[in-house]
Amino acid sequence: MDWARFPGGVAHTLSRMRGVWHEHVEVFAPDGRPLVEDTHSGSPGPAPYERLVYLDFDGQNYVQTNVSCGGRPLEVRTFRGLIRDGVLVFDRLGPDAPEHVGISGGPGVLVFCAREVDAAWQRYNEPDVIVLRGGGRRTRTTVLWRDGVVRRVLQAEGVQVSPRADRRASFDPRGAEGDVHDRPLPTRVFTEKSER
């Protein structure tokens, strides 16, 4: 089946999201208070902050690179995945990492989450809901659990700055020249010892 032509499917939505996105990211305590420091994240740091998201997708292979571009020191994180049976299956985020998948929430909605909930998710669990709003806009909301306890909510408002992700944005802090994507590295939360 050509999953990229299936309306509302994961591959179809990823095809619509291809390109470069500029996100404004805020984080909140569970009671709604804005946080000025995101201490429990896989990429901790000050908040709010700005981020570039480069998203490549050829109908089968997925590559995403996040680059902090304001409000935080430079950090670059690359993730890869592959469509299998209509679902995006991410490369493992570390040696003890559970399986992350991207599933459909209907047309224009993706959910990045656990395929199965097991003991590994006690350490770190951060489901991510991405909604395409039309007009080159999207929202992304995540809820973060660390060591089995809900810690914070993240809200990102994104604007598409390019429909292609083959060149760096002019305001990329790495400079305009060079590869867009970096080499994927293990996520800290799946290589460090648990807080318990």
Protein backbone atom coordinates (compact mmCIF):
# COMPACT_ATOMS: atom_id res chain seq x y z
CA MET A 1 0.00 0.00 0.00
CA ASP A 2 1.17 3.55 -0.71
CA TRP A 3 0.77 4.91 2.82
CA ALA A 4 1.58 8.50 1.74
CA ARG A 5 -1.68 8.57 -0.29
CA PHE A 6 -3.89 7.35 2.54
CA PRO A 7 -5.68 10.52 3.83
CA GLY A 8 -5.43 10.84 7.58
CA GLY A 9 -2.68 8.24 7.74
CA VAL A 10 0.68 8.85 9.40
CA ALA A 11 2.65 9.01 6.13
CA HIS A 12 0.14 11.40 4.57
CA THR A 13 0.35 13.78 7.55
CA LEU A 14 4.16 13.56 7.64
CA SER A 15 4.22 14.46 3.93
CA ARG A 16 2.19 17.59 4.77
CA MET A 17 4.60 18.46 7.60
CA ARG A 18 7.78 18.16 5.51
CA GLY A 19 9.95 21.28 5.68
CA VAL A 20 11.38 23.68 8.25
CA TRP A 21 9.33 24.86 11.23
CA HIS A 22 10.09 27.67 13.69
CA GLU A 23 8.60 26.91 17.11
CA HIS A 24 7.99 29.11 20.13
CA VAL A 25 8.04 26.74 23.12
CA GLU A 26 6.62 27.32 26.61
CA VAL A 27 6.48 24.91 29.54
CA PHE A 28 4.00 24.74 32.41
CA ALA A 29 3.67 23.03 35.78
CA PRO A 30 0.71 20.64 36.05
CA ASP A 31 -1.28 23.41 37.78
CA GLY A 32 -0.73 25.78 34.83
CA ARG A 33 2.05 27.98 36.25
CA PRO A 34 4.58 28.97 33.56
CA LEU A 35 8.02 27.49 34.24
CA VAL A 36 11.25 29.39 33.58
CA GLU A 37 13.33 26.20 33.71
CA ASP A 38 12.50 22.83 32.15
CA THR A 39 14.49 20.64 34.54
CA HIS A 40 12.96 17.22 33.82
CA SER A 41 13.11 17.22 30.02
CA GLY A 42 15.34 15.01 27.91
CA SER A 43 16.85 18.36 26.83
CA PRO A 44 16.69 20.50 30.01
CA GLY A 45 17.10 24.27 29.92
CA PRO A 46 15.48 27.69 30.30
CA ALA A 47 11.99 28.47 29.06
CA PRO A 48 10.39 29.87 27.02
CA TYR A 49 12.66 29.28 24.03
CA GLU A 50 12.74 29.12 20.23
CA ARG A 51 13.51 26.07 18.13
CA LEU A 52 13.96 25.15 14.49
CA VAL A 53 12.55 21.77 13.42
CA TYR A 54 13.85 20.30 10.14
CA LEU A 55 11.61 17.47 8.94
CA ASP A 56 12.48 15.25 5.96
CA PHE A 57 10.16 12.49 4.82
CA ASP A 58 10.25 10.58 1.51
CA GLY A 59 7.11 8.49 2.08
CA GLN A 60 9.05 5.80 3.96
CA ASN A 61 12.09 7.28 5.75
CA TYR A 62 11.75 10.01 8.38
CA VAL A 63 14.48 12.32 9.71
CA GLN A 64 13.90 15.20 12.14
CA THR A 65 16.50 17.58 13.55
CA ASN A 66 15.70 20.04 16.33
CA VAL A 67 17.96 23.07 16.77
CA SER A 68 17.56 25.50 19.67
CA CYS A 69 17.77 28.98 18.16
CA GLY A 70 16.84 31.40 20.95
CA GLY A 71 16.44 31.47 24.72
CA ARG A 72 18.69 28.42 25.26
CA PRO A 73 22.25 27.40 24.46
CA LEU A 74 22.65 25.68 21.10
CA GLU A 75 21.56 22.04 21.14
CA VAL A 76 21.04 19.84 18.09
CA ARG A 77 19.08 16.56 18.28
CA THR A 78 18.36 14.28 15.32
CA PHE A 79 15.79 11.47 15.26
CA ARG A 80 15.13 8.88 12.57
CA GLY A 81 12.31 6.49 11.82
CA LEU A 82 10.68 4.33 9.18
CA ILE A 83 7.07 3.67 8.16
CA ARG A 84 6.14 0.06 8.93
CA ASP A 85 2.57 -1.13 8.34
CA GLY A 86 1.41 2.48 8.23
CA VAL A 87 2.98 3.46 11.58
CA LEU A 88 6.15 5.51 12.09
CA VAL A 89 8.64 3.43 14.09
CA PHE A 90 11.46 5.52 15.56
CA ASP A 91 15.02 4.28 15.86
CA ARG A 92 15.73 3.41 19.49
CA LEU A 93 16.67 6.45 21.60
CA GLY A 94 19.21 4.54 23.68
CA PRO A 95 20.35 1.04 24.64
CA ASP A 96 17.55 0.58 27.20
CA ALA A 97 14.96 2.73 25.42
CA PRO A 98 11.48 1.35 24.76
CA GLU A 99 9.94 1.56 21.29
CA HIS A 100 8.54 4.96 20.24
CA VAL A 101 6.01 5.16 17.42
CA GLY A 102 4.09 7.82 15.51
CA ILE A 103 0.39 7.06 15.09
CA SER A 104 -2.51 8.91 13.51
CA GLY A 105 -5.01 10.95 15.46
CA GLY A 106 -7.02 11.55 12.27
CA PRO A 107 -6.33 13.92 9.36
CA GLY A 108 -3.58 16.39 10.23
CA VAL A 109 -2.94 14.95 13.70
CA LEU A 110 0.03 12.84 14.81
CA VAL A 111 0.74 11.30 18.20
CA PHE A 112 4.30 10.25 19.08
CA CYS A 113 4.08 7.81 21.97
CA ALA A 114 4.94 4.39 23.37
CA ARG A 115 3.98 1.32 21.36
CA GLU A 116 3.59 -0.61 24.63
CA VAL A 117 3.61 0.70 28.19
CA ASP A 118 6.05 -1.28 30.29
CA ALA A 119 8.51 -0.71 33.15
CA ALA A 120 10.91 1.25 30.91
CA TRP A 121 8.35 4.05 30.66
CA GLN A 122 8.59 4.69 34.41
CA ARG A 123 11.90 6.44 33.73
CA TYR A 124 10.70 8.79 30.98
CA ASN A 125 7.43 9.09 29.09
CA GLU A 126 6.52 12.09 26.93
CA PRO A 127 3.63 11.57 24.49
CA ASP A 128 3.61 14.29 21.85
CA VAL A 129 0.46 15.46 20.00
CA ILE A 130 1.08 17.49 16.83
CA VAL A 131 -1.83 19.22 15.08
CA LEU A 132 -1.60 20.89 11.66
CA ARG A 133 -3.68 24.07 11.79
CA GLY A 134 -3.49 25.06 8.11
CA GLY A 135 -1.83 28.12 6.66
CA GLY A 136 1.62 26.81 7.57
CA ARG A 137 0.88 26.63 11.29
CA ARG A 138 0.95 23.77 13.78
CA THR A 139 0.75 23.16 17.51
CA ARG A 140 2.59 20.56 19.55
CA THR A 141 1.64 19.56 23.09
CA THR A 142 3.52 17.11 25.29
CA VAL A 143 2.97 15.81 28.81
CA LEU A 144 6.12 14.65 30.60
CA TRP A 145 6.39 11.91 33.24
CA ARG A 146 9.77 11.25 34.92
CA ASP A 147 10.20 8.38 37.36
CA GLY A 148 6.48 7.67 37.06
CA VAL A 149 5.36 11.18 38.15
CA VAL A 150 3.79 13.85 35.92
CA ARG A 151 6.22 16.79 35.84
CA ARG A 152 5.17 19.35 33.21
CA VAL A 153 3.31 20.20 30.00
CA LEU A 154 5.03 21.72 26.96
CA GLN A 155 3.18 23.83 24.41
CA ALA A 156 4.80 24.77 21.07
CA GLU A 157 3.36 27.05 18.40
CA GLY A 158 5.04 26.43 15.04
CA VAL A 159 5.18 28.36 11.77
CA GLN A 160 6.50 26.74 8.61
CA VAL A 161 9.38 28.81 7.21
CA SER A 162 10.12 26.49 4.26
CA PRO A 163 8.36 23.52 2.59
CA ARG A 164 11.80 21.89 2.11
CA ALA A 165 14.34 20.81 4.71
CA ASP A 166 17.40 20.50 2.49
CA ARG A 167 19.08 23.77 3.58
CA ARG A 168 19.58 25.50 6.87
CA ALA A 169 17.39 28.47 7.73
CA SER A 170 19.13 31.85 7.54
CA PHE A 171 18.81 32.27 11.33
CA ASP A 172 20.09 28.77 12.21
CA PRO A 173 22.71 29.40 14.93
CA ARG A 174 24.96 26.76 13.33
CA GLY A 175 25.32 29.07 10.30
CA ALA A 176 23.73 28.90 6.86
CA GLU A 177 26.21 26.37 5.44
CA GLY A 178 26.48 22.69 6.30
CA ASP A 179 24.33 19.61 6.68
CA VAL A 180 20.83 20.13 8.01
CA HIS A 181 20.74 16.85 9.94
CA ASP A 182 23.20 15.63 12.53
CA ARG A 183 24.08 12.11 13.59
CA PRO A 184 21.44 10.64 15.97
CA LEU A 185 22.80 10.18 19.50
CA PRO A 186 21.27 8.31 22.46
CA THR A 187 18.86 10.39 24.52
CA ARG A 188 20.31 11.20 27.96
CA VAL A 189 17.31 9.85 29.86
CA PHE A 190 17.93 6.40 28.41
CA THR A 191 21.65 6.38 29.22
CA GLU A 192 21.71 8.04 32.67
CA LYS A 193 20.70 6.43 35.97
CA SER A 194 17.11 6.93 37.12
CA GLU A 195 16.44 9.47 39.89
CA ARG A 196 14.95 6.73 42.09
